[in-house]
Structure formats: structure tokens, C-alpha cells
Amino acid sequence: MNCREVWLVDVSFIDSSGSKVRPALIISGKRYNNSHPDVIICSITSNSSHDCFLEIGKMDLTLGSVCPGSGVRHDTIRRVAKTELIRRVAKVSREYGDGVVRGISSILG
């Protein structure tokens, strides 16, 4: 599991009432991923109405695919255990990954 990979993740609900398998973008780097039992992700959604949504176009992918119209919500950052990662489905370009980082930076001020 590496930075900029899209994985299907078994994500727990905030109230811990259950979970759902959702796509997510790994944003944590190699050093973190190799030394921790978890990874840091941003959610991927098809709800494009949010101002923190960055659509993933076909040209943004270097491997695999995501549902058309999907994008990263760079305001939904969370840590998940590696055991919750189900399978890799895609990888985004370095340029797209840099765009996500810029989006996160804009939130932090």
C-alpha cells in the first residue's frame, strides 16, 4: 500500500454502528506506511456538490479505474488500519496527488 493508491476500504461509521466498503485514496507516505499499522486516507465519493471535492478524471489515473464522476473529498482525512484495506483498484498521477495535498493545505490555512 503506497501513497496515491486507491483502495477499497471497510470504513466504520462514525457512531460505530457498522461499516461499509468504500473507495479511498491513501495520502500517507512510504515512511509512515512502512512504520505504522495504519495508513492515512481521504474518502472518495460521487457527491460532487461539496467545495472540497476534486474529481478524478481518466487522465488522472495511472492504473485501474474508478466510477465515472468520482472524486476525492480532501476534507475527510482519517486513519484506517491496514487490515481494513481490501484491495487496490487504481492509482492516481503525481499531479493529481499534488492537487489533493494543495486542497488539504488550503483547509489548514
N, C-alpha and C. Protein backbone atom coordinates (compact mmCIF):
# COMPACT_ATOMS: atom_id res chain seq x y z
N MET A 1 0.83 -1.17 0.00
CA MET A 1 0.00 0.00 0.00
C MET A 1 0.88 1.24 0.00
N ASN A 2 0.66 2.07 -1.00
CA ASN A 2 1.50 3.24 -1.22
C ASN A 2 0.67 4.50 -1.41
N CYS A 3 1.31 5.62 -1.20
CA CYS A 3 0.69 6.92 -1.43
C CYS A 3 0.16 6.98 -2.87
N ARG A 4 -0.99 7.58 -3.04
CA ARG A 4 -1.67 7.80 -4.32
C ARG A 4 -2.39 6.56 -4.85
N GLU A 5 -2.42 5.48 -4.08
CA GLU A 5 -3.19 4.31 -4.49
C GLU A 5 -4.62 4.43 -3.98
N VAL A 6 -5.55 3.96 -4.81
CA VAL A 6 -6.96 3.90 -4.43
C VAL A 6 -7.27 2.47 -4.00
N TRP A 7 -7.78 2.33 -2.80
CA TRP A 7 -8.12 1.03 -2.24
C TRP A 7 -9.58 0.99 -1.85
N LEU A 8 -10.17 -0.21 -1.91
CA LEU A 8 -11.47 -0.42 -1.28
C LEU A 8 -11.17 -0.65 0.20
N VAL A 9 -11.91 0.07 1.05
CA VAL A 9 -11.64 0.06 2.48
C VAL A 9 -12.94 -0.22 3.22
N ASP A 10 -12.87 -1.07 4.24
CA ASP A 10 -14.01 -1.32 5.11
C ASP A 10 -14.02 -0.21 6.16
N VAL A 11 -14.83 0.83 5.91
CA VAL A 11 -14.84 2.04 6.74
C VAL A 11 -15.95 1.95 7.78
N SER A 12 -15.58 2.13 9.04
CA SER A 12 -16.56 2.14 10.13
C SER A 12 -17.33 3.45 10.12
N PHE A 13 -18.62 3.38 10.47
CA PHE A 13 -19.42 4.58 10.62
C PHE A 13 -18.94 5.34 11.85
N ILE A 14 -19.13 6.64 11.84
CA ILE A 14 -18.67 7.49 12.94
C ILE A 14 -19.26 7.04 14.27
N ASP A 15 -20.52 6.60 14.27
CA ASP A 15 -21.14 6.18 15.52
C ASP A 15 -20.86 4.71 15.86
N SER A 16 -19.98 4.07 15.09
CA SER A 16 -19.56 2.68 15.31
C SER A 16 -20.71 1.68 15.19
N SER A 17 -21.79 2.05 14.52
CA SER A 17 -22.93 1.15 14.38
C SER A 17 -22.75 0.11 13.27
N GLY A 18 -21.71 0.24 12.47
CA GLY A 18 -21.46 -0.69 11.38
C GLY A 18 -20.35 -0.16 10.50
N SER A 19 -20.30 -0.73 9.30
CA SER A 19 -19.28 -0.29 8.35
C SER A 19 -19.78 -0.49 6.93
N LYS A 20 -19.03 0.08 5.99
CA LYS A 20 -19.37 -0.04 4.58
C LYS A 20 -18.08 -0.02 3.78
N VAL A 21 -18.04 -0.79 2.71
CA VAL A 21 -16.86 -0.79 1.84
C VAL A 21 -16.95 0.40 0.91
N ARG A 22 -15.90 1.24 0.95
CA ARG A 22 -15.85 2.46 0.17
C ARG A 22 -14.46 2.62 -0.45
N PRO A 23 -14.35 3.30 -1.59
CA PRO A 23 -13.02 3.59 -2.13
C PRO A 23 -12.38 4.75 -1.36
N ALA A 24 -11.07 4.72 -1.26
CA ALA A 24 -10.33 5.78 -0.56
C ALA A 24 -8.95 5.92 -1.18
N LEU A 25 -8.41 7.13 -1.10
CA LEU A 25 -7.08 7.43 -1.60
C LEU A 25 -6.10 7.46 -0.43
N ILE A 26 -5.04 6.66 -0.52
CA ILE A 26 -4.00 6.71 0.50
C ILE A 26 -3.17 7.96 0.29
N ILE A 27 -3.06 8.78 1.34
CA ILE A 27 -2.29 10.02 1.25
C ILE A 27 -1.02 9.98 2.10
N SER A 28 -0.90 8.98 2.98
CA SER A 28 0.31 8.88 3.80
C SER A 28 1.46 8.34 2.95
N GLY A 29 2.66 8.78 3.29
CA GLY A 29 3.85 8.43 2.53
C GLY A 29 4.46 7.10 2.93
N LYS A 30 5.45 6.68 2.15
CA LYS A 30 6.11 5.39 2.32
C LYS A 30 6.69 5.20 3.72
N ARG A 31 7.37 6.22 4.23
CA ARG A 31 7.98 6.09 5.56
C ARG A 31 6.92 5.83 6.63
N TYR A 32 5.83 6.59 6.58
CA TYR A 32 4.74 6.39 7.54
C TYR A 32 4.13 5.00 7.36
N ASN A 33 3.82 4.67 6.11
CA ASN A 33 3.14 3.39 5.84
C ASN A 33 3.98 2.19 6.26
N ASN A 34 5.31 2.30 6.13
CA ASN A 34 6.18 1.18 6.50
C ASN A 34 6.41 1.06 8.00
N SER A 35 6.12 2.11 8.76
CA SER A 35 6.42 2.08 10.19
C SER A 35 5.19 2.11 11.09
N HIS A 36 4.00 2.09 10.51
CA HIS A 36 2.76 2.14 11.30
C HIS A 36 1.80 1.03 10.87
N PRO A 37 0.92 0.62 11.77
CA PRO A 37 -0.05 -0.43 11.43
C PRO A 37 -1.26 0.11 10.66
N ASP A 38 -1.23 1.39 10.32
CA ASP A 38 -2.35 2.01 9.62
C ASP A 38 -1.84 2.88 8.47
N VAL A 39 -2.77 3.40 7.70
CA VAL A 39 -2.48 4.36 6.64
C VAL A 39 -3.43 5.53 6.82
N ILE A 40 -3.11 6.66 6.19
CA ILE A 40 -3.98 7.83 6.24
C ILE A 40 -4.64 7.97 4.87
N ILE A 41 -5.96 8.16 4.89
CA ILE A 41 -6.74 8.18 3.65
C ILE A 41 -7.61 9.42 3.55
N CYS A 42 -8.03 9.71 2.33
CA CYS A 42 -9.11 10.64 2.04
C CYS A 42 -10.23 9.84 1.38
N SER A 43 -11.45 10.18 1.70
CA SER A 43 -12.61 9.50 1.12
C SER A 43 -12.76 9.82 -0.36
N ILE A 44 -13.29 8.86 -1.09
CA ILE A 44 -13.66 9.07 -2.49
C ILE A 44 -15.18 8.93 -2.56
N THR A 45 -15.81 9.87 -3.26
CA THR A 45 -17.27 9.90 -3.34
C THR A 45 -17.71 10.30 -4.74
N SER A 46 -18.97 10.10 -5.03
CA SER A 46 -19.53 10.60 -6.29
C SER A 46 -20.35 11.86 -6.05
N ASN A 47 -20.44 12.32 -4.81
CA ASN A 47 -21.16 13.54 -4.48
C ASN A 47 -20.27 14.75 -4.76
N SER A 48 -20.45 15.33 -5.91
CA SER A 48 -19.57 16.42 -6.36
C SER A 48 -20.03 17.80 -5.90
N SER A 49 -21.06 17.86 -5.08
CA SER A 49 -21.61 19.17 -4.69
C SER A 49 -20.79 19.87 -3.61
N HIS A 50 -19.86 19.19 -3.01
CA HIS A 50 -19.07 19.78 -1.93
C HIS A 50 -17.91 20.59 -2.48
N ASP A 51 -17.56 21.68 -1.83
CA ASP A 51 -16.48 22.54 -2.33
C ASP A 51 -15.09 21.95 -2.10
N CYS A 52 -14.98 20.86 -1.35
CA CYS A 52 -13.69 20.19 -1.14
C CYS A 52 -13.58 18.92 -1.98
N PHE A 53 -14.30 18.87 -3.09
CA PHE A 53 -14.33 17.72 -4.00
C PHE A 53 -13.39 17.97 -5.16
N LEU A 54 -12.51 17.00 -5.44
CA LEU A 54 -11.59 17.09 -6.57
C LEU A 54 -11.84 15.86 -7.45
N GLU A 55 -12.49 16.08 -8.59
CA GLU A 55 -12.88 14.97 -9.46
C GLU A 55 -11.66 14.23 -10.00
N ILE A 56 -11.79 12.91 -10.10
CA ILE A 56 -10.75 12.06 -10.68
C ILE A 56 -11.15 11.78 -12.13
N GLY A 57 -10.45 12.39 -13.07
CA GLY A 57 -10.70 12.14 -14.49
C GLY A 57 -9.87 10.96 -14.98
N LYS A 58 -10.19 10.46 -16.16
CA LYS A 58 -9.44 9.34 -16.73
C LYS A 58 -7.95 9.64 -16.84
N MET A 59 -7.64 10.90 -17.17
CA MET A 59 -6.23 11.29 -17.33
C MET A 59 -5.49 11.36 -15.99
N ASP A 60 -6.23 11.37 -14.90
CA ASP A 60 -5.62 11.44 -13.57
C ASP A 60 -5.17 10.07 -13.06
N LEU A 61 -5.58 9.01 -13.75
CA LEU A 61 -5.27 7.64 -13.32
C LEU A 61 -4.06 7.09 -14.07
N THR A 62 -3.17 6.46 -13.33
CA THR A 62 -2.03 5.79 -13.96
C THR A 62 -2.22 4.28 -13.94
N LEU A 63 -3.24 3.82 -13.23
CA LEU A 63 -3.52 2.39 -13.10
C LEU A 63 -4.97 2.22 -12.68
N GLY A 64 -5.66 1.25 -13.25
CA GLY A 64 -7.00 0.90 -12.82
C GLY A 64 -8.06 1.91 -13.19
N SER A 65 -9.16 1.88 -12.45
CA SER A 65 -10.28 2.78 -12.74
C SER A 65 -11.09 3.04 -11.47
N VAL A 66 -11.86 4.11 -11.54
CA VAL A 66 -12.84 4.44 -10.51
C VAL A 66 -14.15 4.74 -11.22
N CYS A 67 -15.24 4.77 -10.49
CA CYS A 67 -16.53 5.08 -11.10
C CYS A 67 -16.50 6.48 -11.70
N PRO A 68 -17.04 6.65 -12.90
CA PRO A 68 -17.08 7.99 -13.52
C PRO A 68 -17.76 9.00 -12.60
N GLY A 69 -17.19 10.19 -12.53
CA GLY A 69 -17.74 11.24 -11.68
C GLY A 69 -17.27 11.19 -10.24
N SER A 70 -16.45 10.21 -9.90
CA SER A 70 -15.93 10.11 -8.53
C SER A 70 -14.81 11.11 -8.31
N GLY A 71 -14.61 11.45 -7.05
CA GLY A 71 -13.54 12.36 -6.70
C GLY A 71 -13.18 12.25 -5.23
N VAL A 72 -12.07 12.86 -4.89
CA VAL A 72 -11.58 12.85 -3.51
C VAL A 72 -12.18 14.02 -2.74
N ARG A 73 -12.64 13.74 -1.54
CA ARG A 73 -13.03 14.79 -0.59
C ARG A 73 -11.81 15.05 0.28
N HIS A 74 -11.09 16.14 0.02
CA HIS A 74 -9.85 16.38 0.75
C HIS A 74 -10.09 16.97 2.14
N ASP A 75 -11.35 17.04 2.55
CA ASP A 75 -11.66 17.44 3.93
C ASP A 75 -12.06 16.25 4.79
N THR A 76 -11.99 15.06 4.24
CA THR A 76 -12.33 13.85 5.00
C THR A 76 -11.09 12.97 5.14
N ILE A 77 -10.25 13.35 6.06
CA ILE A 77 -8.99 12.65 6.29
C ILE A 77 -9.15 11.78 7.52
N ARG A 78 -8.74 10.53 7.41
CA ARG A 78 -8.82 9.64 8.57
C ARG A 78 -7.75 8.57 8.49
N ARG A 79 -7.50 7.97 9.62
CA ARG A 79 -6.54 6.88 9.72
C ARG A 79 -7.33 5.57 9.75
N VAL A 80 -6.87 4.59 8.97
CA VAL A 80 -7.51 3.27 9.00
C VAL A 80 -6.42 2.20 9.13
N ALA A 81 -6.76 1.14 9.82
CA ALA A 81 -5.84 0.02 9.98
C ALA A 81 -5.62 -0.65 8.63
N LYS A 82 -4.41 -1.11 8.40
CA LYS A 82 -4.10 -1.80 7.15
C LYS A 82 -4.97 -3.04 6.97
N THR A 83 -5.42 -3.62 8.07
CA THR A 83 -6.29 -4.80 8.00
C THR A 83 -7.65 -4.47 7.39
N GLU A 84 -8.01 -3.17 7.34
CA GLU A 84 -9.29 -2.74 6.76
C GLU A 84 -9.21 -2.55 5.24
N LEU A 85 -7.99 -2.58 4.69
CA LEU A 85 -7.80 -2.43 3.25
C LEU A 85 -8.14 -3.76 2.58
N ILE A 86 -9.01 -3.71 1.59
CA ILE A 86 -9.48 -4.94 0.94
C ILE A 86 -8.69 -5.23 -0.32
N ARG A 87 -8.66 -4.28 -1.26
CA ARG A 87 -7.85 -4.47 -2.47
C ARG A 87 -7.63 -3.15 -3.17
N ARG A 88 -6.49 -3.08 -3.86
CA ARG A 88 -6.16 -1.88 -4.64
C ARG A 88 -6.95 -1.93 -5.94
N VAL A 89 -7.52 -0.77 -6.30
CA VAL A 89 -8.31 -0.71 -7.53
C VAL A 89 -7.77 0.30 -8.54
N ALA A 90 -6.91 1.21 -8.09
CA ALA A 90 -6.40 2.25 -9.00
C ALA A 90 -5.22 2.97 -8.36
N LYS A 91 -4.59 3.81 -9.17
CA LYS A 91 -3.55 4.71 -8.68
C LYS A 91 -3.69 6.01 -9.44
N VAL A 92 -3.56 7.13 -8.71
CA VAL A 92 -3.66 8.44 -9.36
C VAL A 92 -2.27 8.97 -9.67
N SER A 93 -2.21 9.90 -10.59
CA SER A 93 -0.94 10.50 -11.01
C SER A 93 -0.35 11.35 -9.88
N ARG A 94 0.93 11.62 -10.00
CA ARG A 94 1.60 12.50 -9.04
C ARG A 94 0.95 13.89 -9.06
N GLU A 95 0.58 14.36 -10.24
CA GLU A 95 -0.03 15.68 -10.36
C GLU A 95 -1.36 15.73 -9.62
N TYR A 96 -2.16 14.67 -9.77
CA TYR A 96 -3.44 14.64 -9.05
C TYR A 96 -3.19 14.58 -7.54
N GLY A 97 -2.25 13.76 -7.12
CA GLY A 97 -1.90 13.67 -5.70
C GLY A 97 -1.46 15.01 -5.15
N ASP A 98 -0.68 15.75 -5.94
CA ASP A 98 -0.25 17.09 -5.53
C ASP A 98 -1.46 18.03 -5.37
N GLY A 99 -2.45 17.86 -6.24
CA GLY A 99 -3.68 18.67 -6.14
C GLY A 99 -4.43 18.39 -4.85
N VAL A 100 -4.46 17.13 -4.44
CA VAL A 100 -5.11 16.77 -3.17
C VAL A 100 -4.35 17.42 -2.01
N VAL A 101 -3.03 17.37 -2.05
CA VAL A 101 -2.22 17.97 -0.99
C VAL A 101 -2.47 19.49 -0.94
N ARG A 102 -2.57 20.13 -2.10
CA ARG A 102 -2.87 21.57 -2.12
C ARG A 102 -4.24 21.84 -1.50
N GLY A 103 -5.21 20.97 -1.79
CA GLY A 103 -6.54 21.13 -1.21
C GLY A 103 -6.51 21.01 0.31
N ILE A 104 -5.75 20.03 0.81
CA ILE A 104 -5.62 19.87 2.26
C ILE A 104 -4.95 21.09 2.86
N SER A 105 -3.90 21.56 2.21
CA SER A 105 -3.17 22.75 2.71
C SER A 105 -4.08 23.97 2.75
N SER A 106 -4.98 24.11 1.78
CA SER A 106 -5.87 25.27 1.76
C SER A 106 -6.84 25.25 2.94
N ILE A 107 -7.19 24.07 3.40
CA ILE A 107 -8.08 23.95 4.56
C ILE A 107 -7.34 24.35 5.84
N LEU A 108 -6.07 23.97 5.91
CA LEU A 108 -5.29 24.21 7.12
C LEU A 108 -4.81 25.65 7.24
N GLY A 109 -4.91 26.39 6.16
CA GLY A 109 -4.63 27.81 6.19
C GLY A 109 -3.22 28.15 5.98
